Amino acid sequence: MPRLKTGHISPSTDEDAAINAAIAADSENPEWTAEDFARARPASEVLPPELYAALIAKRPRGRPKTDDAKVFTGIRLDADLLEAFKATGKGWQTRVNAALRQFITEHPLDR
């Protein structure tokens, strides 16, 4: 039996029986048989080439890149300062960024 992920809850015997009964009762989407799997063909064989190409086209994952992307950094802050920003709720990191930007604007650094 494969190992389950932490926090995974398997269905009870009764729940498993109910799930299997619901699968068997679904006439519009029956469970596949060995014959169904034997007749199955890859999408590349049954779809028009342009549709198949569109489906497998590699798209970048995640949020689209921006010209002014933020840079990850680790910084040590006083605990009370960090808690004060976190207490303001979601978006606290953006507010820390804005506070630092305001400081730099008001107190230009010698470069």
C-alpha atoms as a PDB file:
ATOM      1  CA  MET A   1       0.000   0.000   0.000  1.00  0.00           C
ATOM      2  CA  PRO A   2       1.433   3.456  -0.878  1.00  0.00           C
ATOM      3  CA  ARG A   3       2.333   5.835   1.913  1.00  0.00           C
ATOM      4  CA  LEU A   4      -0.210   8.581   2.496  1.00  0.00           C
ATOM      5  CA  LYS A   5       0.706  12.223   2.790  1.00  0.00           C
ATOM      6  CA  THR A   6       0.624  13.733   6.244  1.00  0.00           C
ATOM      7  CA  GLY A   7      -2.879  14.868   7.116  1.00  0.00           C
ATOM      8  CA  HIS A   8      -4.507  12.602   4.504  1.00  0.00           C
ATOM      9  CA  ILE A   9      -7.700  10.938   5.683  1.00  0.00           C
ATOM     10  CA  SER A  10      -8.729   7.771   3.866  1.00  0.00           C
ATOM     11  CA  PRO A  11     -12.444   7.065   3.417  1.00  0.00           C
ATOM     12  CA  SER A  12     -13.999   4.557   5.764  1.00  0.00           C
ATOM     13  CA  THR A  13     -15.191   1.222   4.392  1.00  0.00           C
ATOM     14  CA  ASP A  14     -18.769   2.562   4.254  1.00  0.00           C
ATOM     15  CA  GLU A  15     -17.665   5.783   2.544  1.00  0.00           C
ATOM     16  CA  ASP A  16     -15.589   3.806   0.045  1.00  0.00           C
ATOM     17  CA  ALA A  17     -18.600   1.592  -0.726  1.00  0.00           C
ATOM     18  CA  ALA A  18     -20.792   4.683  -1.244  1.00  0.00           C
ATOM     19  CA  ILE A  19     -18.208   6.205  -3.603  1.00  0.00           C
ATOM     20  CA  ASN A  20     -17.994   3.006  -5.649  1.00  0.00           C
ATOM     21  CA  ALA A  21     -21.796   2.732  -5.768  1.00  0.00           C
ATOM     22  CA  ALA A  22     -22.046   6.301  -7.059  1.00  0.00           C
ATOM     23  CA  ILE A  23     -19.456   5.539  -9.757  1.00  0.00           C
ATOM     24  CA  ALA A  24     -21.402   2.444 -10.834  1.00  0.00           C
ATOM     25  CA  ALA A  25     -24.692   4.395 -10.917  1.00  0.00           C
ATOM     26  CA  ASP A  26     -23.332   7.170 -13.191  1.00  0.00           C
ATOM     27  CA  SER A  27     -24.471   6.026 -16.635  1.00  0.00           C
ATOM     28  CA  GLU A  28     -23.123   9.170 -18.315  1.00  0.00           C
ATOM     29  CA  ASN A  29     -19.577   8.571 -17.086  1.00  0.00           C
ATOM     30  CA  PRO A  30     -19.033   4.874 -16.401  1.00  0.00           C
ATOM     31  CA  GLU A  31     -15.812   3.537 -14.973  1.00  0.00           C
ATOM     32  CA  TRP A  32     -13.404   2.448 -17.734  1.00  0.00           C
ATOM     33  CA  THR A  33     -12.978  -1.234 -18.435  1.00  0.00           C
ATOM     34  CA  ALA A  34      -9.849  -3.000 -19.693  1.00  0.00           C
ATOM     35  CA  GLU A  35     -11.393  -2.877 -23.191  1.00  0.00           C
ATOM     36  CA  ASP A  36     -11.862   0.898 -22.930  1.00  0.00           C
ATOM     37  CA  PHE A  37      -8.185   1.325 -22.049  1.00  0.00           C
ATOM     38  CA  ALA A  38      -7.172  -1.001 -24.907  1.00  0.00           C
ATOM     39  CA  ARG A  39      -9.131   1.146 -27.422  1.00  0.00           C
ATOM     40  CA  ALA A  40      -7.765   4.440 -26.088  1.00  0.00           C
ATOM     41  CA  ARG A  41      -5.410   6.391 -28.353  1.00  0.00           C
ATOM     42  CA  PRO A  42      -3.128   9.346 -27.611  1.00  0.00           C
ATOM     43  CA  ALA A  43      -4.535  12.819 -28.127  1.00  0.00           C
ATOM     44  CA  SER A  44      -1.866  13.418 -30.778  1.00  0.00           C
ATOM     45  CA  GLU A  45      -3.539  10.747 -32.926  1.00  0.00           C
ATOM     46  CA  VAL A  46      -7.145  11.906 -32.624  1.00  0.00           C
ATOM     47  CA  LEU A  47      -7.012  15.710 -32.434  1.00  0.00           C
ATOM     48  CA  PRO A  48      -6.311  18.086 -35.316  1.00  0.00           C
ATOM     49  CA  PRO A  49      -2.593  18.998 -35.267  1.00  0.00           C
ATOM     50  CA  GLU A  50      -3.217  22.702 -34.571  1.00  0.00           C
ATOM     51  CA  LEU A  51      -5.485  21.927 -31.611  1.00  0.00           C
ATOM     52  CA  TYR A  52      -3.044  19.390 -30.167  1.00  0.00           C
ATOM     53  CA  ALA A  53      -0.155  21.862 -30.564  1.00  0.00           C
ATOM     54  CA  ALA A  54      -2.155  24.545 -28.750  1.00  0.00           C
ATOM     55  CA  LEU A  55      -2.932  22.158 -25.893  1.00  0.00           C
ATOM     56  CA  ILE A  56       0.662  21.120 -25.303  1.00  0.00           C
ATOM     57  CA  ALA A  57       2.229  24.542 -25.890  1.00  0.00           C
ATOM     58  CA  LYS A  58       4.543  25.419 -23.006  1.00  0.00           C
ATOM     59  CA  ARG A  59       3.289  28.400 -21.086  1.00  0.00           C
ATOM     60  CA  PRO A  60       5.363  30.019 -18.395  1.00  0.00           C
ATOM     61  CA  ARG A  61       4.250  29.058 -14.920  1.00  0.00           C
ATOM     62  CA  GLY A  62       3.208  31.513 -12.272  1.00  0.00           C
ATOM     63  CA  ARG A  63       2.642  35.222 -12.377  1.00  0.00           C
ATOM     64  CA  PRO A  64       3.750  37.063 -15.530  1.00  0.00           C
ATOM     65  CA  LYS A  65       7.156  38.710 -15.204  1.00  0.00           C
ATOM     66  CA  THR A  66       7.258  42.473 -14.775  1.00  0.00           C
ATOM     67  CA  ASP A  67       9.928  45.014 -15.672  1.00  0.00           C
ATOM     68  CA  ASP A  68      10.188  46.218 -12.072  1.00  0.00           C
ATOM     69  CA  ALA A  69      10.224  42.827 -10.354  1.00  0.00           C
ATOM     70  CA  LYS A  70      10.897  42.748  -6.652  1.00  0.00           C
ATOM     71  CA  VAL A  71      14.025  41.022  -5.353  1.00  0.00           C
ATOM     72  CA  PHE A  72      13.872  38.503  -2.521  1.00  0.00           C
ATOM     73  CA  THR A  73      16.090  39.358   0.412  1.00  0.00           C
ATOM     74  CA  GLY A  74      16.475  38.359   4.010  1.00  0.00           C
ATOM     75  CA  ILE A  75      16.670  41.197   6.526  1.00  0.00           C
ATOM     76  CA  ARG A  76      16.798  41.251  10.314  1.00  0.00           C
ATOM     77  CA  LEU A  77      14.331  43.626  11.947  1.00  0.00           C
ATOM     78  CA  ASP A  78      13.462  44.342  15.546  1.00  0.00           C
ATOM     79  CA  ALA A  79      10.643  42.035  16.635  1.00  0.00           C
ATOM     80  CA  ASP A  80       8.356  44.887  17.697  1.00  0.00           C
ATOM     81  CA  LEU A  81       8.809  46.649  14.347  1.00  0.00           C
ATOM     82  CA  LEU A  82       7.976  43.479  12.441  1.00  0.00           C
ATOM     83  CA  GLU A  83       4.949  42.756  14.619  1.00  0.00           C
ATOM     84  CA  ALA A  84       3.674  46.318  14.136  1.00  0.00           C
ATOM     85  CA  PHE A  85       3.692  45.858  10.351  1.00  0.00           C
ATOM     86  CA  LYS A  86       2.224  42.348  10.526  1.00  0.00           C
ATOM     87  CA  ALA A  87      -0.555  43.646  12.785  1.00  0.00           C
ATOM     88  CA  THR A  88      -1.753  45.825   9.908  1.00  0.00           C
ATOM     89  CA  GLY A  89      -2.873  42.648   8.114  1.00  0.00           C
ATOM     90  CA  LYS A  90      -2.448  41.268   4.633  1.00  0.00           C
ATOM     91  CA  GLY A  91      -0.075  43.302   2.483  1.00  0.00           C
ATOM     92  CA  TRP A  92       2.261  44.200   5.339  1.00  0.00           C
ATOM     93  CA  GLN A  93       5.353  43.464   3.221  1.00  0.00           C
ATOM     94  CA  THR A  94       4.153  45.945   0.591  1.00  0.00           C
ATOM     95  CA  ARG A  95       3.735  48.539   3.349  1.00  0.00           C
ATOM     96  CA  VAL A  96       7.286  47.872   4.595  1.00  0.00           C
ATOM     97  CA  ASN A  97       8.484  48.451   1.018  1.00  0.00           C
ATOM     98  CA  ALA A  98       6.500  51.714   0.817  1.00  0.00           C
ATOM     99  CA  ALA A  99       7.867  52.910   4.179  1.00  0.00           C
ATOM    100  CA  LEU A 100      11.445  52.264   3.057  1.00  0.00           C
ATOM    101  CA  ARG A 101      10.785  54.015  -0.256  1.00  0.00           C
ATOM    102  CA  GLN A 102       9.336  57.030   1.578  1.00  0.00           C
ATOM    103  CA  PHE A 103      12.380  57.168   3.861  1.00  0.00           C
ATOM    104  CA  ILE A 104      14.778  57.107   0.885  1.00  0.00           C
ATOM    105  CA  THR A 105      12.773  59.866  -0.815  1.00  0.00           C
ATOM    106  CA  GLU A 106      12.808  62.053   2.297  1.00  0.00           C
ATOM    107  CA  HIS A 107      16.418  61.228   3.250  1.00  0.00           C
ATOM    108  CA  PRO A 108      18.466  60.851   0.068  1.00  0.00           C
ATOM    109  CA  LEU A 109      21.515  58.688   0.610  1.00  0.00           C
ATOM    110  CA  ASP A 110      24.976  59.863  -0.388  1.00  0.00           C
ATOM    111  CA  ARG A 111      25.969  57.717  -3.292  1.00  0.00           C
END
